[in-house]
Amino acid sequence: MNWAEGIQNAINYIESNITEELDNKSIASQACCSPYYFQKIFGLLCDMTLGEYIRNRRLALAGSELISTDIKVIDLALKYGYSSPESFTRAFTLFHGISPSEARKNASSLRSFYVLR
């Protein structure tokens, strides 16, 4: 397996488990390497850290779900791994530039972050 295939296997694993607790060891095992080397290679190939990728994907998916359903912000926060609605709202606002309540009113302002391929 080459590095590109390994990274893609890891990304597929992340996407399949995006609402679950993800750890570096299980993600790196998808690429058949150690967590240390996986994070180094991921950063070099993808120009972001593994944590940034996971956080950005979760926040993009949360934004889509927020505008397409009537889910409560607290439920959305818990679903995507945040311990409180306040921490979710801070992260959401930093990522999208608007709060979750503003996003429900103005969905066109939400930022996209697509799966790496």
PDB file of N, CA and C in Angstrom:
ATOM      1  N   MET A   1       0.851  -1.174   0.000  1.00  0.00           N
ATOM      2  CA  MET A   1       0.000   0.000   0.000  1.00  0.00           C
ATOM      3  C   MET A   1       0.897   1.238   0.000  1.00  0.00           C
ATOM      4  N   ASN A   2       0.592   2.202  -0.868  1.00  0.00           N
ATOM      5  CA  ASN A   2       1.370   3.438  -0.861  1.00  0.00           C
ATOM      6  C   ASN A   2       0.726   4.454   0.087  1.00  0.00           C
ATOM      7  N   TRP A   3       1.402   5.594   0.283  1.00  0.00           N
ATOM      8  CA  TRP A   3       0.913   6.587   1.247  1.00  0.00           C
ATOM      9  C   TRP A   3      -0.445   7.154   0.862  1.00  0.00           C
ATOM     10  N   ALA A   4      -0.659   7.392  -0.414  1.00  0.00           N
ATOM     11  CA  ALA A   4      -1.939   7.949  -0.853  1.00  0.00           C
ATOM     12  C   ALA A   4      -3.086   6.991  -0.531  1.00  0.00           C
ATOM     13  N   GLU A   5      -2.879   5.704  -0.771  1.00  0.00           N
ATOM     14  CA  GLU A   5      -3.913   4.714  -0.436  1.00  0.00           C
ATOM     15  C   GLU A   5      -4.136   4.647   1.070  1.00  0.00           C
ATOM     16  N   GLY A   6      -3.063   4.704   1.829  1.00  0.00           N
ATOM     17  CA  GLY A   6      -3.168   4.664   3.284  1.00  0.00           C
ATOM     18  C   GLY A   6      -3.933   5.853   3.832  1.00  0.00           C
ATOM     19  N   ILE A   7      -3.613   7.031   3.329  1.00  0.00           N
ATOM     20  CA  ILE A   7      -4.322   8.243   3.761  1.00  0.00           C
ATOM     21  C   ILE A   7      -5.794   8.144   3.384  1.00  0.00           C
ATOM     22  N   GLN A   8      -6.080   7.657   2.190  1.00  0.00           N
ATOM     23  CA  GLN A   8      -7.479   7.536   1.759  1.00  0.00           C
ATOM     24  C   GLN A   8      -8.239   6.525   2.617  1.00  0.00           C
ATOM     25  N   ASN A   9      -7.595   5.414   2.969  1.00  0.00           N
ATOM     26  CA  ASN A   9      -8.225   4.444   3.870  1.00  0.00           C
ATOM     27  C   ASN A   9      -8.553   5.092   5.215  1.00  0.00           C
ATOM     28  N   ALA A  10      -7.627   5.895   5.720  1.00  0.00           N
ATOM     29  CA  ALA A  10      -7.839   6.579   6.997  1.00  0.00           C
ATOM     30  C   ALA A  10      -8.982   7.603   6.888  1.00  0.00           C
ATOM     31  N   ILE A  11      -9.024   8.335   5.794  1.00  0.00           N
ATOM     32  CA  ILE A  11     -10.095   9.313   5.589  1.00  0.00           C
ATOM     33  C   ILE A  11     -11.443   8.608   5.490  1.00  0.00           C
ATOM     34  N   ASN A  12     -11.486   7.504   4.783  1.00  0.00           N
ATOM     35  CA  ASN A  12     -12.736   6.730   4.700  1.00  0.00           C
ATOM     36  C   ASN A  12     -13.179   6.256   6.082  1.00  0.00           C
ATOM     37  N   TYR A  13     -12.226   5.832   6.903  1.00  0.00           N
ATOM     38  CA  TYR A  13     -12.528   5.404   8.269  1.00  0.00           C
ATOM     39  C   TYR A  13     -13.073   6.580   9.092  1.00  0.00           C
ATOM     40  N   ILE A  14     -12.432   7.738   8.972  1.00  0.00           N
ATOM     41  CA  ILE A  14     -12.891   8.931   9.688  1.00  0.00           C
ATOM     42  C   ILE A  14     -14.321   9.267   9.292  1.00  0.00           C
ATOM     43  N   GLU A  15     -14.583   9.282   8.000  1.00  0.00           N
ATOM     44  CA  GLU A  15     -15.922   9.636   7.513  1.00  0.00           C
ATOM     45  C   GLU A  15     -16.975   8.635   7.979  1.00  0.00           C
ATOM     46  N   SER A  16     -16.616   7.376   8.050  1.00  0.00           N
ATOM     47  CA  SER A  16     -17.568   6.344   8.502  1.00  0.00           C
ATOM     48  C   SER A  16     -17.855   6.439   9.990  1.00  0.00           C
ATOM     49  N   ASN A  17     -16.952   7.066  10.731  1.00  0.00           N
ATOM     50  CA  ASN A  17     -17.074   7.134  12.186  1.00  0.00           C
ATOM     51  C   ASN A  17     -17.048   8.573  12.704  1.00  0.00           C
ATOM     52  N   ILE A  18     -17.463   9.521  11.896  1.00  0.00           N
ATOM     53  CA  ILE A  18     -17.303  10.942  12.209  1.00  0.00           C
ATOM     54  C   ILE A  18     -18.029  11.375  13.482  1.00  0.00           C
ATOM     55  N   THR A  19     -19.119  10.719  13.830  1.00  0.00           N
ATOM     56  CA  THR A  19     -19.846  11.105  15.042  1.00  0.00           C
ATOM     57  C   THR A  19     -19.405  10.301  16.259  1.00  0.00           C
ATOM     58  N   GLU A  20     -18.454   9.409  16.072  1.00  0.00           N
ATOM     59  CA  GLU A  20     -17.924   8.606  17.177  1.00  0.00           C
ATOM     60  C   GLU A  20     -16.644   9.259  17.699  1.00  0.00           C
ATOM     61  N   GLU A  21     -16.178   8.780  18.848  1.00  0.00           N
ATOM     62  CA  GLU A  21     -14.898   9.252  19.359  1.00  0.00           C
ATOM     63  C   GLU A  21     -13.794   8.608  18.516  1.00  0.00           C
ATOM     64  N   LEU A  22     -12.967   9.433  17.929  1.00  0.00           N
ATOM     65  CA  LEU A  22     -11.885   8.958  17.069  1.00  0.00           C
ATOM     66  C   LEU A  22     -10.551   9.131  17.784  1.00  0.00           C
ATOM     67  N   ASP A  23      -9.706   8.113  17.711  1.00  0.00           N
ATOM     68  CA  ASP A  23      -8.375   8.249  18.287  1.00  0.00           C
ATOM     69  C   ASP A  23      -7.330   8.025  17.195  1.00  0.00           C
ATOM     70  N   ASN A  24      -6.200   8.683  17.387  1.00  0.00           N
ATOM     71  CA  ASN A  24      -5.132   8.653  16.383  1.00  0.00           C
ATOM     72  C   ASN A  24      -4.634   7.246  16.084  1.00  0.00           C
ATOM     73  N   LYS A  25      -4.609   6.389  17.090  1.00  0.00           N
ATOM     74  CA  LYS A  25      -4.089   5.037  16.893  1.00  0.00           C
ATOM     75  C   LYS A  25      -4.963   4.242  15.934  1.00  0.00           C
ATOM     76  N   SER A  26      -6.288   4.292  16.113  1.00  0.00           N
ATOM     77  CA  SER A  26      -7.175   3.537  15.222  1.00  0.00           C
ATOM     78  C   SER A  26      -7.190   4.129  13.817  1.00  0.00           C
ATOM     79  N   ILE A  27      -7.060   5.438  13.716  1.00  0.00           N
ATOM     80  CA  ILE A  27      -7.010   6.074  12.394  1.00  0.00           C
ATOM     81  C   ILE A  27      -5.715   5.681  11.678  1.00  0.00           C
ATOM     82  N   ALA A  28      -4.596   5.764  12.398  1.00  0.00           N
ATOM     83  CA  ALA A  28      -3.296   5.421  11.804  1.00  0.00           C
ATOM     84  C   ALA A  28      -3.239   3.959  11.393  1.00  0.00           C
ATOM     85  N   SER A  29      -3.916   3.097  12.125  1.00  0.00           N
ATOM     86  CA  SER A  29      -3.890   1.675  11.772  1.00  0.00           C
ATOM     87  C   SER A  29      -4.535   1.423  10.409  1.00  0.00           C
ATOM     88  N   GLN A  30      -5.425   2.295   9.990  1.00  0.00           N
ATOM     89  CA  GLN A  30      -6.046   2.172   8.667  1.00  0.00           C
ATOM     90  C   GLN A  30      -5.025   2.397   7.552  1.00  0.00           C
ATOM     91  N   ALA A  31      -3.977   3.141   7.883  1.00  0.00           N
ATOM     92  CA  ALA A  31      -2.904   3.409   6.918  1.00  0.00           C
ATOM     93  C   ALA A  31      -1.695   2.505   7.164  1.00  0.00           C
ATOM     94  N   CYS A  32      -1.837   1.575   8.096  1.00  0.00           N
ATOM     95  CA  CYS A  32      -0.771   0.621   8.420  1.00  0.00           C
ATOM     96  C   CYS A  32       0.528   1.306   8.848  1.00  0.00           C
ATOM     97  N   CYS A  33       0.409   2.276   9.740  1.00  0.00           N
ATOM     98  CA  CYS A  33       1.609   2.918  10.261  1.00  0.00           C
ATOM     99  C   CYS A  33       1.358   3.413  11.684  1.00  0.00           C
ATOM    100  N   SER A  34       2.391   3.911  12.309  1.00  0.00           N
ATOM    101  CA  SER A  34       2.272   4.394  13.685  1.00  0.00           C
ATOM    102  C   SER A  34       1.545   5.742  13.697  1.00  0.00           C
ATOM    103  N   PRO A  35       0.909   6.067  14.814  1.00  0.00           N
ATOM    104  CA  PRO A  35       0.232   7.371  14.914  1.00  0.00           C
ATOM    105  C   PRO A  35       1.188   8.541  14.674  1.00  0.00           C
ATOM    106  N   TYR A  36       2.411   8.436  15.166  1.00  0.00           N
ATOM    107  CA  TYR A  36       3.383   9.512  14.994  1.00  0.00           C
ATOM    108  C   TYR A  36       3.652   9.775  13.505  1.00  0.00           C
ATOM    109  N   TYR A  37       3.995   8.730  12.762  1.00  0.00           N
ATOM    110  CA  TYR A  37       4.299   8.902  11.346  1.00  0.00           C
ATOM    111  C   TYR A  37       3.052   9.255  10.534  1.00  0.00           C
ATOM    112  N   PHE A  38       1.923   8.693  10.926  1.00  0.00           N
ATOM    113  CA  PHE A  38       0.694   9.020  10.206  1.00  0.00           C
ATOM    114  C   PHE A  38       0.386  10.515  10.308  1.00  0.00           C
ATOM    115  N   GLN A  39       0.494  11.051  11.503  1.00  0.00           N
ATOM    116  CA  GLN A  39       0.202  12.475  11.663  1.00  0.00           C
ATOM    117  C   GLN A  39       1.185  13.342  10.887  1.00  0.00           C
ATOM    118  N   LYS A  40       2.447  12.949  10.863  1.00  0.00           N
ATOM    119  CA  LYS A  40       3.449  13.685  10.076  1.00  0.00           C
ATOM    120  C   LYS A  40       3.107  13.652   8.586  1.00  0.00           C
ATOM    121  N   ILE A  41       2.859  12.461   8.059  1.00  0.00           N
ATOM    122  CA  ILE A  41       2.563  12.304   6.639  1.00  0.00           C
ATOM    123  C   ILE A  41       1.242  12.988   6.286  1.00  0.00           C
ATOM    124  N   PHE A  42       0.220  12.839   7.131  1.00  0.00           N
ATOM    125  CA  PHE A  42      -1.068  13.481   6.886  1.00  0.00           C
ATOM    126  C   PHE A  42      -0.881  14.990   6.764  1.00  0.00           C
ATOM    127  N   GLY A  43      -0.135  15.569   7.688  1.00  0.00           N
ATOM    128  CA  GLY A  43       0.116  17.009   7.652  1.00  0.00           C
ATOM    129  C   GLY A  43       0.841  17.444   6.389  1.00  0.00           C
ATOM    130  N   LEU A  44       1.817  16.663   5.967  1.00  0.00           N
ATOM    131  CA  LEU A  44       2.566  17.000   4.755  1.00  0.00           C
ATOM    132  C   LEU A  44       1.710  16.871   3.500  1.00  0.00           C
ATOM    133  N   LEU A  45       0.929  15.799   3.405  1.00  0.00           N
ATOM    134  CA  LEU A  45       0.131  15.563   2.202  1.00  0.00           C
ATOM    135  C   LEU A  45      -1.143  16.406   2.144  1.00  0.00           C
ATOM    136  N   CYS A  46      -1.719  16.693   3.300  1.00  0.00           N
ATOM    137  CA  CYS A  46      -3.028  17.361   3.324  1.00  0.00           C
ATOM    138  C   CYS A  46      -2.958  18.827   3.742  1.00  0.00           C
ATOM    139  N   ASP A  47      -1.794  19.294   4.162  1.00  0.00           N
ATOM    140  CA  ASP A  47      -1.570  20.688   4.551  1.00  0.00           C
ATOM    141  C   ASP A  47      -2.450  21.128   5.729  1.00  0.00           C
ATOM    142  N   MET A  48      -2.779  20.194   6.613  1.00  0.00           N
ATOM    143  CA  MET A  48      -3.498  20.494   7.847  1.00  0.00           C
ATOM    144  C   MET A  48      -3.267  19.332   8.794  1.00  0.00           C
ATOM    145  N   THR A  49      -3.513  19.571  10.062  1.00  0.00           N
ATOM    146  CA  THR A  49      -3.350  18.475  11.008  1.00  0.00           C
ATOM    147  C   THR A  49      -4.557  17.557  10.937  1.00  0.00           C
ATOM    148  N   LEU A  50      -4.383  16.372  11.471  1.00  0.00           N
ATOM    149  CA  LEU A  50      -5.486  15.414  11.532  1.00  0.00           C
ATOM    150  C   LEU A  50      -6.630  15.976  12.359  1.00  0.00           C
ATOM    151  N   GLY A  51      -6.306  16.603  13.479  1.00  0.00           N
ATOM    152  CA  GLY A  51      -7.322  17.209  14.334  1.00  0.00           C
ATOM    153  C   GLY A  51      -8.107  18.303  13.623  1.00  0.00           C
ATOM    154  N   GLU A  52      -7.425  19.125  12.839  1.00  0.00           N
ATOM    155  CA  GLU A  52      -8.098  20.184  12.080  1.00  0.00           C
ATOM    156  C   GLU A  52      -9.061  19.583  11.060  1.00  0.00           C
ATOM    157  N   TYR A  53      -8.611  18.541  10.380  1.00  0.00           N
ATOM    158  CA  TYR A  53      -9.471  17.904   9.389  1.00  0.00           C
ATOM    159  C   TYR A  53     -10.749  17.369  10.039  1.00  0.00           C
ATOM    160  N   ILE A  54     -10.593  16.641  11.142  1.00  0.00           N
ATOM    161  CA  ILE A  54     -11.755  16.058  11.821  1.00  0.00           C
ATOM    162  C   ILE A  54     -12.684  17.169  12.321  1.00  0.00           C
ATOM    163  N   ARG A  55     -12.121  18.175  12.961  1.00  0.00           N
ATOM    164  CA  ARG A  55     -12.926  19.289  13.476  1.00  0.00           C
ATOM    165  C   ARG A  55     -13.674  20.011  12.347  1.00  0.00           C
ATOM    166  N   ASN A  56     -12.985  20.303  11.252  1.00  0.00           N
ATOM    167  CA  ASN A  56     -13.618  21.006  10.133  1.00  0.00           C
ATOM    168  C   ASN A  56     -14.731  20.177   9.505  1.00  0.00           C
ATOM    169  N   ARG A  57     -14.501  18.878   9.352  1.00  0.00           N
ATOM    170  CA  ARG A  57     -15.546  18.010   8.788  1.00  0.00           C
ATOM    171  C   ARG A  57     -16.758  17.951   9.710  1.00  0.00           C
ATOM    172  N   ARG A  58     -16.528  17.815  11.001  1.00  0.00           N
ATOM    173  CA  ARG A  58     -17.642  17.764  11.950  1.00  0.00           C
ATOM    174  C   ARG A  58     -18.444  19.055  11.936  1.00  0.00           C
ATOM    175  N   LEU A  59     -17.757  20.182  11.919  1.00  0.00           N
ATOM    176  CA  LEU A  59     -18.463  21.464  11.926  1.00  0.00           C
ATOM    177  C   LEU A  59     -19.206  21.716  10.619  1.00  0.00           C
ATOM    178  N   ALA A  60     -18.643  21.291   9.502  1.00  0.00           N
ATOM    179  CA  ALA A  60     -19.349  21.425   8.222  1.00  0.00           C
ATOM    180  C   ALA A  60     -20.595  20.551   8.203  1.00  0.00           C
ATOM    181  N   LEU A  61     -20.471  19.311   8.676  1.00  0.00           N
ATOM    182  CA  LEU A  61     -21.621  18.417   8.734  1.00  0.00           C
ATOM    183  C   LEU A  61     -22.669  18.923   9.722  1.00  0.00           C
ATOM    184  N   ALA A  62     -22.216  19.468  10.845  1.00  0.00           N
ATOM    185  CA  ALA A  62     -23.147  20.025  11.829  1.00  0.00           C
ATOM    186  C   ALA A  62     -23.919  21.197  11.232  1.00  0.00           C
ATOM    187  N   GLY A  63     -23.249  22.019  10.454  1.00  0.00           N
ATOM    188  CA  GLY A  63     -23.921  23.141   9.800  1.00  0.00           C
ATOM    189  C   GLY A  63     -24.986  22.677   8.830  1.00  0.00           C
ATOM    190  N   SER A  64     -24.666  21.670   8.045  1.00  0.00           N
ATOM    191  CA  SER A  64     -25.648  21.118   7.102  1.00  0.00           C
ATOM    192  C   SER A  64     -26.840  20.530   7.828  1.00  0.00           C
ATOM    193  N   GLU A  65     -26.574  19.806   8.899  1.00  0.00           N
ATOM    194  CA  GLU A  65     -27.654  19.188   9.666  1.00  0.00           C
ATOM    195  C   GLU A  65     -28.504  20.243  10.382  1.00  0.00           C
ATOM    196  N   LEU A  66     -27.860  21.299  10.836  1.00  0.00           N
ATOM    197  CA  LEU A  66     -28.570  22.375  11.533  1.00  0.00           C
ATOM    198  C   LEU A  66     -29.616  23.027  10.644  1.00  0.00           C
ATOM    199  N   ILE A  67     -29.263  23.250   9.386  1.00  0.00           N
ATOM    200  CA  ILE A  67     -30.211  23.933   8.495  1.00  0.00           C
ATOM    201  C   ILE A  67     -31.217  22.998   7.836  1.00  0.00           C
ATOM    202  N   SER A  68     -30.935  21.701   7.829  1.00  0.00           N
ATOM    203  CA  SER A  68     -31.837  20.767   7.157  1.00  0.00           C
ATOM    204  C   SER A  68     -32.777  20.025   8.104  1.00  0.00           C
ATOM    205  N   THR A  69     -32.570  20.194   9.418  1.00  0.00           N
ATOM    206  CA  THR A  69     -33.426  19.523  10.397  1.00  0.00           C
ATOM    207  C   THR A  69     -33.822  20.510  11.492  1.00  0.00           C
ATOM    208  N   ASP A  70     -34.646  20.052  12.402  1.00  0.00           N
ATOM    209  CA  ASP A  70     -35.040  20.858  13.560  1.00  0.00           C
ATOM    210  C   ASP A  70     -34.278  20.446  14.817  1.00  0.00           C
ATOM    211  N   ILE A  71     -33.137  19.817  14.661  1.00  0.00           N
ATOM    212  CA  ILE A  71     -32.361  19.335  15.794  1.00  0.00           C
ATOM    213  C   ILE A  71     -31.963  20.493  16.709  1.00  0.00           C
ATOM    214  N   LYS A  72     -31.981  20.249  18.005  1.00  0.00           N
ATOM    215  CA  LYS A  72     -31.574  21.258  18.977  1.00  0.00           C
ATOM    216  C   LYS A  72     -30.053  21.385  18.957  1.00  0.00           C
ATOM    217  N   VAL A  73     -29.568  22.576  19.259  1.00  0.00           N
ATOM    218  CA  VAL A  73     -28.131  22.832  19.260  1.00  0.00           C
ATOM    219  C   VAL A  73     -27.424  21.928  20.266  1.00  0.00           C
ATOM    220  N   ILE A  74     -28.016  21.702  21.422  1.00  0.00           N
ATOM    221  CA  ILE A  74     -27.380  20.833  22.427  1.00  0.00           C
ATOM    222  C   ILE A  74     -27.233  19.404  21.904  1.00  0.00           C
ATOM    223  N   ASP A  75     -28.241  18.917  21.191  1.00  0.00           N
ATOM    224  CA  ASP A  75     -28.167  17.568  20.625  1.00  0.00           C
ATOM    225  C   ASP A  75     -27.114  17.489  19.529  1.00  0.00           C
ATOM    226  N   LEU A  76     -27.016  18.534  18.743  1.00  0.00           N
ATOM    227  CA  LEU A  76     -26.011  18.600  17.679  1.00  0.00           C
ATOM    228  C   LEU A  76     -24.603  18.649  18.285  1.00  0.00           C
ATOM    229  N   ALA A  77     -24.449  19.430  19.339  1.00  0.00           N
ATOM    230  CA  ALA A  77     -23.156  19.533  20.015  1.00  0.00           C
ATOM    231  C   ALA A  77     -22.708  18.170  20.536  1.00  0.00           C
ATOM    232  N   LEU A  78     -23.602  17.464  21.188  1.00  0.00           N
ATOM    233  CA  LEU A  78     -23.259  16.145  21.725  1.00  0.00           C
ATOM    234  C   LEU A  78     -22.991  15.134  20.621  1.00  0.00           C
ATOM    235  N   LYS A  79     -23.768  15.193  19.559  1.00  0.00           N
ATOM    236  CA  LYS A  79     -23.590  14.263  18.441  1.00  0.00           C
ATOM    237  C   LYS A  79     -22.200  14.389  17.824  1.00  0.00           C
ATOM    238  N   TYR A  80     -21.707  15.625  17.706  1.00  0.00           N
ATOM    239  CA  TYR A  80     -20.417  15.849  17.052  1.00  0.00           C
ATOM    240  C   TYR A  80     -19.258  15.998  18.032  1.00  0.00           C
ATOM    241  N   GLY A  81     -19.460  15.511  19.266  1.00  0.00           N
ATOM    242  CA  GLY A  81     -18.342  15.367  20.192  1.00  0.00           C
ATOM    243  C   GLY A  81     -18.012  16.549  21.071  1.00  0.00           C
ATOM    244  N   TYR A  82     -18.888  17.521  21.185  1.00  0.00           N
ATOM    245  CA  TYR A  82     -18.627  18.665  22.049  1.00  0.00           C
ATOM    246  C   TYR A  82     -19.274  18.425  23.410  1.00  0.00           C
ATOM    247  N   SER A  83     -18.590  18.850  24.467  1.00  0.00           N
ATOM    248  CA  SER A  83     -19.068  18.568  25.820  1.00  0.00           C
ATOM    249  C   SER A  83     -20.166  19.520  26.276  1.00  0.00           C
ATOM    250  N   SER A  84     -20.306  20.643  25.607  1.00  0.00           N
ATOM    251  CA  SER A  84     -21.346  21.600  25.985  1.00  0.00           C
ATOM    252  C   SER A  84     -21.804  22.391  24.768  1.00  0.00           C
ATOM    253  N   PRO A  85     -23.024  22.941  24.833  1.00  0.00           N
ATOM    254  CA  PRO A  85     -23.484  23.774  23.718  1.00  0.00           C
ATOM    255  C   PRO A  85     -22.635  25.039  23.563  1.00  0.00           C
ATOM    256  N   GLU A  86     -22.065  25.512  24.655  1.00  0.00           N
ATOM    257  CA  GLU A  86     -21.238  26.726  24.594  1.00  0.00           C
ATOM    258  C   GLU A  86     -19.956  26.481  23.805  1.00  0.00           C
ATOM    259  N   SER A  87     -19.292  25.354  24.076  1.00  0.00           N
ATOM    260  CA  SER A  87     -18.057  25.057  23.333  1.00  0.00           C
ATOM    261  C   SER A  87     -18.366  24.798  21.860  1.00  0.00           C
ATOM    262  N   PHE A  88     -19.497  24.154  21.591  1.00  0.00           N
ATOM    263  CA  PHE A  88     -19.907  23.923  20.206  1.00  0.00           C
ATOM    264  C   PHE A  88     -20.191  25.253  19.507  1.00  0.00           C
ATOM    265  N   THR A  89     -20.919  26.137  20.178  1.00  0.00           N
ATOM    266  CA  THR A  89     -21.261  27.431  19.588  1.00  0.00           C
ATOM    267  C   THR A  89     -20.007  28.240  19.284  1.00  0.00           C
ATOM    268  N   ARG A  90     -19.017  28.223  20.192  1.00  0.00           N
ATOM    269  CA  ARG A  90     -17.754  28.929  19.939  1.00  0.00           C
ATOM    270  C   ARG A  90     -17.046  28.371  18.704  1.00  0.00           C
ATOM    271  N   ALA A  91     -16.925  27.048  18.647  1.00  0.00           N
ATOM    272  CA  ALA A  91     -16.243  26.415  17.508  1.00  0.00           C
ATOM    273  C   ALA A  91     -17.014  26.651  16.215  1.00  0.00           C
ATOM    274  N   PHE A  92     -18.338  26.522  16.272  1.00  0.00           N
ATOM    275  CA  PHE A  92     -19.191  26.728  15.107  1.00  0.00           C
ATOM    276  C   PHE A  92     -19.032  28.153  14.578  1.00  0.00           C
ATOM    277  N   THR A  93     -19.050  29.120  15.490  1.00  0.00           N
ATOM    278  CA  THR A  93     -18.925  30.524  15.098  1.00  0.00           C
ATOM    279  C   THR A  93     -17.557  30.815  14.505  1.00  0.00           C
ATOM    280  N   LEU A  94     -16.506  30.246  15.071  1.00  0.00           N
ATOM    281  CA  LEU A  94     -15.168  30.436  14.501  1.00  0.00           C
ATOM    282  C   LEU A  94     -15.064  29.838  13.100  1.00  0.00           C
ATOM    283  N   PHE A  95     -15.662  28.681  12.895  1.00  0.00           N
ATOM    284  CA  PHE A  95     -15.580  27.999  11.607  1.00  0.00           C
ATOM    285  C   PHE A  95     -16.457  28.661  10.551  1.00  0.00           C
ATOM    286  N   HIS A  96     -17.717  28.896  10.882  1.00  0.00           N
ATOM    287  CA  HIS A  96     -18.682  29.407   9.899  1.00  0.00           C
ATOM    288  C   HIS A  96     -18.779  30.931   9.853  1.00  0.00           C
ATOM    289  N   GLY A  97     -18.350  31.599  10.911  1.00  0.00           N
ATOM    290  CA  GLY A  97     -18.444  33.061  10.950  1.00  0.00           C
ATOM    291  C   GLY A  97     -19.785  33.569  11.458  1.00  0.00           C
ATOM    292  N   ILE A  98     -20.694  32.659  11.775  1.00  0.00           N
ATOM    293  CA  ILE A  98     -21.990  33.021  12.349  1.00  0.00           C
ATOM    294  C   ILE A  98     -22.367  31.978  13.395  1.00  0.00           C
ATOM    295  N   SER A  99     -23.230  32.370  14.316  1.00  0.00           N
ATOM    296  CA  SER A  99     -23.649  31.440  15.368  1.00  0.00           C
ATOM    297  C   SER A  99     -24.653  30.435  14.811  1.00  0.00           C
ATOM    298  N   PRO A 100     -24.882  29.335  15.529  1.00  0.00           N
ATOM    299  CA  PRO A 100     -25.873  28.358  15.069  1.00  0.00           C
ATOM    300  C   PRO A 100     -27.274  28.961  14.902  1.00  0.00           C
ATOM    301  N   SER A 101     -27.668  29.859  15.801  1.00  0.00           N
ATOM    302  CA  SER A 101     -28.999  30.469  15.665  1.00  0.00           C
ATOM    303  C   SER A 101     -29.075  31.365  14.430  1.00  0.00           C
ATOM    304  N   GLU A 102     -28.004  32.073  14.109  1.00  0.00           N
ATOM    305  CA  GLU A 102     -27.977  32.878  12.888  1.00  0.00           C
ATOM    306  C   GLU A 102     -27.958  31.989  11.650  1.00  0.00           C
ATOM    307  N   ALA A 103     -27.311  30.837  11.752  1.00  0.00           N
ATOM    308  CA  ALA A 103     -27.221  29.912  10.617  1.00  0.00           C
ATOM    309  C   ALA A 103     -28.593  29.380  10.230  1.00  0.00           C
ATOM    310  N   ARG A 104     -29.452  29.164  11.203  1.00  0.00           N
ATOM    311  CA  ARG A 104     -30.816  28.697  10.890  1.00  0.00           C
ATOM    312  C   ARG A 104     -31.576  29.729  10.071  1.00  0.00           C
ATOM    313  N   LYS A 105     -31.268  31.004  10.302  1.00  0.00           N
ATOM    314  CA  LYS A 105     -31.954  32.084   9.580  1.00  0.00           C
ATOM    315  C   LYS A 105     -31.306  32.389   8.229  1.00  0.00           C
ATOM    316  N   ASN A 106     -29.991  32.171   8.128  1.00  0.00           N
ATOM    317  CA  ASN A 106     -29.254  32.537   6.919  1.00  0.00           C
ATOM    318  C   ASN A 106     -28.309  31.409   6.524  1.00  0.00           C
ATOM    319  N   ALA A 107     -28.868  30.366   5.967  1.00  0.00           N
ATOM    320  CA  ALA A 107     -28.106  29.157   5.634  1.00  0.00           C
ATOM    321  C   ALA A 107     -27.050  29.398   4.560  1.00  0.00           C
ATOM    322  N   SER A 108     -27.220  30.415   3.742  1.00  0.00           N
ATOM    323  CA  SER A 108     -26.274  30.643   2.647  1.00  0.00           C
ATOM    324  C   SER A 108     -24.905  31.102   3.141  1.00  0.00           C
ATOM    325  N   SER A 109     -24.806  31.472   4.404  1.00  0.00           N
ATOM    326  CA  SER A 109     -23.536  31.944   4.953  1.00  0.00           C
ATOM    327  C   SER A 109     -22.648  30.835   5.484  1.00  0.00           C
ATOM    328  N   LEU A 110     -23.120  29.596   5.438  1.00  0.00           N
ATOM    329  CA  LEU A 110     -22.339  28.504   5.995  1.00  0.00           C
ATOM    330  C   LEU A 110     -21.176  28.118   5.094  1.00  0.00           C
ATOM    331  N   ARG A 111     -20.104  27.755   5.725  1.00  0.00           N
ATOM    332  CA  ARG A 111     -18.878  27.354   5.032  1.00  0.00           C
ATOM    333  C   ARG A 111     -18.926  25.849   4.730  1.00  0.00           C
ATOM    334  N   SER A 112     -18.391  25.463   3.609  1.00  0.00           N
ATOM    335  CA  SER A 112     -18.288  24.048   3.241  1.00  0.00           C
ATOM    336  C   SER A 112     -16.886  23.544   3.529  1.00  0.00           C
ATOM    337  N   PHE A 113     -16.788  22.264   3.803  1.00  0.00           N
ATOM    338  CA  PHE A 113     -15.490  21.612   3.946  1.00  0.00           C
ATOM    339  C   PHE A 113     -15.700  20.168   3.500  1.00  0.00           C
ATOM    340  N   TYR A 114     -15.245  19.871   2.319  1.00  0.00           N
ATOM    341  CA  TYR A 114     -15.525  18.583   1.695  1.00  0.00           C
ATOM    342  C   TYR A 114     -14.521  17.510   2.098  1.00  0.00           C
ATOM    343  N   VAL A 115     -14.913  16.272   1.892  1.00  0.00           N
ATOM    344  CA  VAL A 115     -14.058  15.125   2.161  1.00  0.00           C
ATOM    345  C   VAL A 115     -12.845  15.186   1.240  1.00  0.00           C
ATOM    346  N   LEU A 116     -11.675  14.921   1.804  1.00  0.00           N
ATOM    347  CA  LEU A 116     -10.465  14.868   0.986  1.00  0.00           C
ATOM    348  C   LEU A 116     -10.492  13.617   0.118  1.00  0.00           C
ATOM    349  N   ARG A 117     -10.143  13.768  -1.114  1.00  0.00           N
ATOM    350  CA  ARG A 117     -10.082  12.630  -2.055  1.00  0.00           C
ATOM    351  C   ARG A 117      -8.763  12.632  -2.761  1.00  0.00           C
TER     352      ARG A 117
END
